[in-house]
Amino acid sequence: METGYSEKLRRIEHRLIAGPGHLDQQIRRSVVEGGESGDDILDNYVDKVRHHAYKIVDGDIEALKAAGWSEDQIYELSICAAFGAAKHRLDVGLRAIEQARTGEPDVSAGSPTERA
């Protein structure tokens, strides 16, 4: 569902993924899109940002630093994970609104718990 903000969100997403940065673009893309990097420490942190950001403590950041991630990379990782989670929630909400309007189920949405 297109909104007045759709183009702005696409531009933000493009800049997060393809813009200059300290974190590898493939990792940024994967995190924004809800995927995993293959690095357990990184993936655990990203999952926490996506689902329980209020539970992040200094130890989470220290674990990433101890694993070799720089503060700049951790910052970019946090922004990408938060944006991806917010975008997913927005998309789910917009699909629900569209479904309520049309009365037709959205079979493309998948499981409601997949990325929530």
N, C-alpha and C. Protein backbone atom coordinates (compact mmCIF):
# COMPACT_ATOMS: atom_id res chain seq x y z
N MET A 1 0.85 -1.17 0.00
CA MET A 1 0.00 0.00 0.00
C MET A 1 0.90 1.24 0.00
N GLU A 2 0.71 2.07 -0.97
CA GLU A 2 1.47 3.31 -1.07
C GLU A 2 0.84 4.39 -0.19
N THR A 3 1.71 5.15 0.45
CA THR A 3 1.25 6.29 1.26
C THR A 3 2.05 7.52 0.84
N GLY A 4 1.75 8.62 1.44
CA GLY A 4 2.51 9.84 1.16
C GLY A 4 3.96 9.75 1.62
N TYR A 5 4.26 8.77 2.42
CA TYR A 5 5.62 8.60 2.94
C TYR A 5 6.41 7.50 2.24
N SER A 6 5.79 6.76 1.36
CA SER A 6 6.44 5.61 0.74
C SER A 6 7.75 5.96 0.05
N GLU A 7 7.75 7.01 -0.75
CA GLU A 7 8.96 7.40 -1.48
C GLU A 7 10.05 7.84 -0.50
N LYS A 8 9.70 8.57 0.53
CA LYS A 8 10.69 8.99 1.52
C LYS A 8 11.30 7.78 2.23
N LEU A 9 10.48 6.81 2.56
CA LEU A 9 10.99 5.60 3.21
C LEU A 9 11.91 4.82 2.29
N ARG A 10 11.58 4.76 1.00
CA ARG A 10 12.46 4.08 0.05
C ARG A 10 13.81 4.79 -0.05
N ARG A 11 13.79 6.13 -0.03
CA ARG A 11 15.05 6.89 -0.10
C ARG A 11 15.89 6.66 1.16
N ILE A 12 15.24 6.65 2.32
CA ILE A 12 15.97 6.39 3.56
C ILE A 12 16.59 5.00 3.52
N GLU A 13 15.79 4.02 3.12
CA GLU A 13 16.29 2.65 3.04
C GLU A 13 17.49 2.54 2.10
N HIS A 14 17.38 3.19 0.95
CA HIS A 14 18.49 3.15 -0.01
C HIS A 14 19.75 3.76 0.59
N ARG A 15 19.61 4.89 1.28
CA ARG A 15 20.79 5.53 1.88
C ARG A 15 21.38 4.68 2.99
N LEU A 16 20.53 4.03 3.78
CA LEU A 16 21.03 3.16 4.84
C LEU A 16 21.84 2.00 4.27
N ILE A 17 21.35 1.45 3.18
CA ILE A 17 22.00 0.26 2.60
C ILE A 17 23.17 0.64 1.70
N ALA A 18 22.96 1.57 0.79
CA ALA A 18 23.95 1.85 -0.25
C ALA A 18 24.82 3.07 0.03
N GLY A 19 24.47 3.86 1.02
CA GLY A 19 25.24 5.05 1.33
C GLY A 19 26.59 4.73 1.94
N PRO A 20 27.41 5.74 2.11
CA PRO A 20 28.72 5.51 2.72
C PRO A 20 28.56 5.05 4.17
N GLY A 21 29.48 4.23 4.60
CA GLY A 21 29.40 3.76 5.98
C GLY A 21 30.57 2.88 6.34
N HIS A 22 30.61 2.45 7.58
CA HIS A 22 31.68 1.61 8.10
C HIS A 22 31.29 0.14 8.11
N LEU A 23 30.01 -0.14 8.03
CA LEU A 23 29.51 -1.51 8.06
C LEU A 23 29.30 -1.99 6.63
N ASP A 24 29.70 -3.21 6.34
CA ASP A 24 29.57 -3.78 5.01
C ASP A 24 28.13 -3.65 4.51
N GLN A 25 27.98 -3.28 3.24
CA GLN A 25 26.65 -3.08 2.67
C GLN A 25 25.80 -4.35 2.68
N GLN A 26 26.41 -5.50 2.51
CA GLN A 26 25.64 -6.75 2.55
C GLN A 26 25.04 -6.98 3.93
N ILE A 27 25.79 -6.65 4.96
CA ILE A 27 25.27 -6.79 6.32
C ILE A 27 24.14 -5.79 6.53
N ARG A 28 24.36 -4.55 6.10
CA ARG A 28 23.30 -3.54 6.25
C ARG A 28 22.02 -3.98 5.55
N ARG A 29 22.15 -4.47 4.31
CA ARG A 29 20.97 -4.92 3.56
C ARG A 29 20.27 -6.07 4.29
N SER A 30 21.02 -7.04 4.71
CA SER A 30 20.44 -8.19 5.40
C SER A 30 19.70 -7.76 6.67
N VAL A 31 20.31 -6.87 7.44
CA VAL A 31 19.70 -6.42 8.69
C VAL A 31 18.42 -5.63 8.41
N VAL A 32 18.46 -4.72 7.45
CA VAL A 32 17.26 -3.93 7.11
C VAL A 32 16.15 -4.85 6.63
N GLU A 33 16.50 -5.87 5.85
CA GLU A 33 15.49 -6.78 5.29
C GLU A 33 15.05 -7.87 6.25
N GLY A 34 15.61 -7.89 7.46
CA GLY A 34 15.18 -8.86 8.46
C GLY A 34 15.95 -10.16 8.47
N GLY A 35 17.06 -10.20 7.75
CA GLY A 35 17.85 -11.42 7.68
C GLY A 35 18.90 -11.49 8.77
N GLU A 36 19.78 -12.46 8.62
CA GLU A 36 20.87 -12.66 9.57
C GLU A 36 22.20 -12.49 8.87
N SER A 37 23.23 -12.20 9.66
CA SER A 37 24.56 -11.99 9.10
C SER A 37 25.40 -13.26 9.13
N GLY A 38 25.06 -14.20 9.99
CA GLY A 38 25.87 -15.39 10.17
C GLY A 38 26.82 -15.28 11.35
N ASP A 39 26.93 -14.09 11.92
CA ASP A 39 27.75 -13.86 13.11
C ASP A 39 26.82 -13.90 14.32
N ASP A 40 26.98 -14.89 15.19
CA ASP A 40 26.06 -15.09 16.30
C ASP A 40 25.93 -13.88 17.22
N ILE A 41 27.05 -13.25 17.55
CA ILE A 41 27.01 -12.09 18.45
C ILE A 41 26.25 -10.95 17.79
N LEU A 42 26.54 -10.72 16.52
CA LEU A 42 25.86 -9.67 15.76
C LEU A 42 24.37 -9.98 15.64
N ASP A 43 24.04 -11.21 15.29
CA ASP A 43 22.64 -11.59 15.09
C ASP A 43 21.84 -11.52 16.40
N ASN A 44 22.46 -11.90 17.51
CA ASN A 44 21.77 -11.79 18.80
C ASN A 44 21.48 -10.33 19.15
N TYR A 45 22.43 -9.45 18.87
CA TYR A 45 22.23 -8.03 19.12
C TYR A 45 21.12 -7.48 18.23
N VAL A 46 21.17 -7.81 16.95
CA VAL A 46 20.14 -7.34 16.01
C VAL A 46 18.76 -7.83 16.43
N ASP A 47 18.67 -9.08 16.84
CA ASP A 47 17.39 -9.61 17.29
C ASP A 47 16.88 -8.83 18.51
N LYS A 48 17.78 -8.48 19.39
CA LYS A 48 17.39 -7.72 20.58
C LYS A 48 16.91 -6.32 20.19
N VAL A 49 17.59 -5.68 19.24
CA VAL A 49 17.15 -4.37 18.76
C VAL A 49 15.76 -4.48 18.15
N ARG A 50 15.55 -5.51 17.34
CA ARG A 50 14.26 -5.68 16.65
C ARG A 50 13.11 -5.95 17.61
N HIS A 51 13.35 -6.74 18.64
CA HIS A 51 12.25 -7.22 19.47
C HIS A 51 12.22 -6.69 20.90
N HIS A 52 13.37 -6.32 21.44
CA HIS A 52 13.43 -5.91 22.85
C HIS A 52 14.48 -4.83 23.05
N ALA A 53 14.41 -3.76 22.29
CA ALA A 53 15.45 -2.73 22.35
C ALA A 53 15.63 -2.17 23.76
N TYR A 54 14.58 -2.16 24.55
CA TYR A 54 14.66 -1.64 25.91
C TYR A 54 15.52 -2.51 26.81
N LYS A 55 15.86 -3.70 26.37
CA LYS A 55 16.68 -4.61 27.18
C LYS A 55 18.18 -4.52 26.85
N ILE A 56 18.54 -3.68 25.90
CA ILE A 56 19.95 -3.55 25.53
C ILE A 56 20.70 -2.86 26.67
N VAL A 57 21.83 -3.47 27.03
CA VAL A 57 22.66 -2.94 28.12
C VAL A 57 24.10 -2.76 27.61
N ASP A 58 24.91 -2.10 28.41
CA ASP A 58 26.30 -1.87 28.03
C ASP A 58 27.01 -3.16 27.66
N GLY A 59 26.67 -4.26 28.32
CA GLY A 59 27.31 -5.54 28.04
C GLY A 59 27.08 -6.01 26.61
N ASP A 60 25.94 -5.68 26.05
CA ASP A 60 25.67 -6.05 24.65
C ASP A 60 26.63 -5.33 23.71
N ILE A 61 26.84 -4.06 23.97
CA ILE A 61 27.75 -3.26 23.14
C ILE A 61 29.19 -3.73 23.36
N GLU A 62 29.54 -4.00 24.61
CA GLU A 62 30.89 -4.47 24.91
C GLU A 62 31.18 -5.81 24.24
N ALA A 63 30.19 -6.69 24.17
CA ALA A 63 30.38 -7.98 23.50
C ALA A 63 30.67 -7.79 22.02
N LEU A 64 29.97 -6.84 21.40
CA LEU A 64 30.23 -6.55 19.98
C LEU A 64 31.63 -5.97 19.80
N LYS A 65 32.01 -5.06 20.68
CA LYS A 65 33.36 -4.48 20.60
C LYS A 65 34.42 -5.56 20.80
N ALA A 66 34.21 -6.45 21.76
CA ALA A 66 35.17 -7.53 22.02
C ALA A 66 35.29 -8.47 20.82
N ALA A 67 34.21 -8.56 20.04
CA ALA A 67 34.23 -9.41 18.84
C ALA A 67 34.85 -8.71 17.64
N GLY A 68 35.27 -7.43 17.84
CA GLY A 68 35.97 -6.72 16.77
C GLY A 68 35.15 -5.68 16.03
N TRP A 69 33.93 -5.44 16.43
CA TRP A 69 33.09 -4.44 15.77
C TRP A 69 33.39 -3.06 16.34
N SER A 70 33.53 -2.07 15.47
CA SER A 70 33.81 -0.71 15.92
C SER A 70 32.53 -0.02 16.38
N GLU A 71 32.69 1.08 17.10
CA GLU A 71 31.51 1.84 17.55
C GLU A 71 30.70 2.34 16.36
N ASP A 72 31.38 2.77 15.30
CA ASP A 72 30.67 3.23 14.10
C ASP A 72 29.86 2.09 13.47
N GLN A 73 30.44 0.91 13.41
CA GLN A 73 29.73 -0.23 12.85
C GLN A 73 28.53 -0.61 13.73
N ILE A 74 28.70 -0.56 15.03
CA ILE A 74 27.60 -0.89 15.94
C ILE A 74 26.48 0.14 15.81
N TYR A 75 26.84 1.40 15.66
CA TYR A 75 25.83 2.44 15.46
C TYR A 75 25.03 2.18 14.19
N GLU A 76 25.73 1.93 13.09
CA GLU A 76 25.06 1.67 11.81
C GLU A 76 24.19 0.41 11.89
N LEU A 77 24.70 -0.59 12.56
CA LEU A 77 23.95 -1.83 12.77
C LEU A 77 22.65 -1.54 13.52
N SER A 78 22.74 -0.74 14.57
CA SER A 78 21.56 -0.39 15.38
C SER A 78 20.53 0.36 14.56
N ILE A 79 20.98 1.32 13.77
CA ILE A 79 20.07 2.11 12.93
C ILE A 79 19.40 1.21 11.89
N CYS A 80 20.16 0.35 11.24
CA CYS A 80 19.59 -0.54 10.23
C CYS A 80 18.58 -1.50 10.84
N ALA A 81 18.90 -2.06 12.00
CA ALA A 81 17.98 -3.00 12.65
C ALA A 81 16.70 -2.30 13.08
N ALA A 82 16.83 -1.11 13.66
CA ALA A 82 15.65 -0.36 14.11
C ALA A 82 14.78 0.06 12.93
N PHE A 83 15.41 0.55 11.86
CA PHE A 83 14.66 0.94 10.67
C PHE A 83 13.94 -0.26 10.07
N GLY A 84 14.65 -1.37 9.93
CA GLY A 84 14.05 -2.56 9.34
C GLY A 84 12.86 -3.06 10.15
N ALA A 85 12.99 -3.06 11.48
CA ALA A 85 11.89 -3.50 12.34
C ALA A 85 10.70 -2.55 12.23
N ALA A 86 10.98 -1.24 12.24
CA ALA A 86 9.90 -0.26 12.13
C ALA A 86 9.20 -0.36 10.78
N LYS A 87 9.98 -0.52 9.72
CA LYS A 87 9.39 -0.63 8.39
C LYS A 87 8.52 -1.88 8.29
N HIS A 88 9.00 -2.98 8.85
CA HIS A 88 8.20 -4.21 8.83
C HIS A 88 6.88 -4.00 9.56
N ARG A 89 6.93 -3.39 10.73
CA ARG A 89 5.70 -3.15 11.50
C ARG A 89 4.74 -2.23 10.74
N LEU A 90 5.29 -1.21 10.10
CA LEU A 90 4.46 -0.32 9.29
C LEU A 90 3.81 -1.09 8.15
N ASP A 91 4.58 -1.91 7.46
CA ASP A 91 4.04 -2.70 6.34
C ASP A 91 2.92 -3.63 6.80
N VAL A 92 3.11 -4.28 7.94
CA VAL A 92 2.07 -5.17 8.49
C VAL A 92 0.81 -4.38 8.80
N GLY A 93 0.98 -3.22 9.41
CA GLY A 93 -0.17 -2.38 9.74
C GLY A 93 -0.91 -1.89 8.50
N LEU A 94 -0.15 -1.48 7.48
CA LEU A 94 -0.78 -1.01 6.25
C LEU A 94 -1.51 -2.13 5.53
N ARG A 95 -0.92 -3.34 5.56
CA ARG A 95 -1.62 -4.49 4.96
C ARG A 95 -2.92 -4.77 5.70
N ALA A 96 -2.90 -4.65 7.03
CA ALA A 96 -4.11 -4.89 7.82
C ALA A 96 -5.19 -3.86 7.47
N ILE A 97 -4.79 -2.62 7.30
CA ILE A 97 -5.74 -1.58 6.91
C ILE A 97 -6.33 -1.89 5.54
N GLU A 98 -5.47 -2.25 4.60
CA GLU A 98 -5.94 -2.58 3.25
C GLU A 98 -6.87 -3.78 3.27
N GLN A 99 -6.53 -4.77 4.06
CA GLN A 99 -7.37 -5.97 4.17
C GLN A 99 -8.73 -5.60 4.76
N ALA A 100 -8.74 -4.74 5.76
CA ALA A 100 -10.00 -4.32 6.36
C ALA A 100 -10.85 -3.55 5.35
N ARG A 101 -10.20 -2.77 4.51
CA ARG A 101 -10.93 -2.00 3.49
C ARG A 101 -11.54 -2.89 2.43
N THR A 102 -10.76 -3.87 1.97
CA THR A 102 -11.20 -4.70 0.85
C THR A 102 -11.93 -5.95 1.29
N GLY A 103 -11.68 -6.38 2.53
CA GLY A 103 -12.29 -7.60 3.02
C GLY A 103 -11.62 -8.86 2.51
N GLU A 104 -10.50 -8.70 1.80
CA GLU A 104 -9.79 -9.86 1.26
C GLU A 104 -8.55 -10.13 2.08
N PRO A 105 -8.29 -11.40 2.39
CA PRO A 105 -7.07 -11.72 3.14
C PRO A 105 -5.83 -11.48 2.30
N ASP A 106 -4.75 -11.09 2.95
CA ASP A 106 -3.47 -10.87 2.28
C ASP A 106 -2.65 -12.13 2.41
N VAL A 107 -2.66 -12.97 1.39
CA VAL A 107 -1.95 -14.24 1.46
C VAL A 107 -0.44 -14.07 1.32
N SER A 108 0.02 -12.91 0.89
CA SER A 108 1.45 -12.68 0.74
C SER A 108 2.12 -12.28 2.03
N ALA A 109 1.34 -11.99 3.06
CA ALA A 109 1.90 -11.46 4.30
C ALA A 109 2.67 -12.49 5.10
N GLY A 110 2.40 -13.77 4.92
CA GLY A 110 3.07 -14.79 5.69
C GLY A 110 2.58 -14.82 7.13
N SER A 111 3.32 -15.49 7.96
CA SER A 111 2.97 -15.65 9.37
C SER A 111 3.06 -14.30 10.09
N PRO A 112 2.09 -13.98 10.95
CA PRO A 112 2.15 -12.69 11.64
C PRO A 112 3.32 -12.60 12.62
N THR A 113 3.96 -13.69 12.94
CA THR A 113 5.08 -13.65 13.89
C THR A 113 6.43 -13.75 13.20
N GLU A 114 6.47 -13.80 11.87
CA GLU A 114 7.72 -14.00 11.17
C GLU A 114 8.78 -12.96 11.53
N ARG A 115 8.45 -11.68 11.50
CA ARG A 115 9.45 -10.64 11.76
C ARG A 115 8.98 -9.63 12.79
N ALA A 116 7.85 -9.85 13.41
CA ALA A 116 7.29 -8.85 14.32
C ALA A 116 8.16 -8.51 15.45
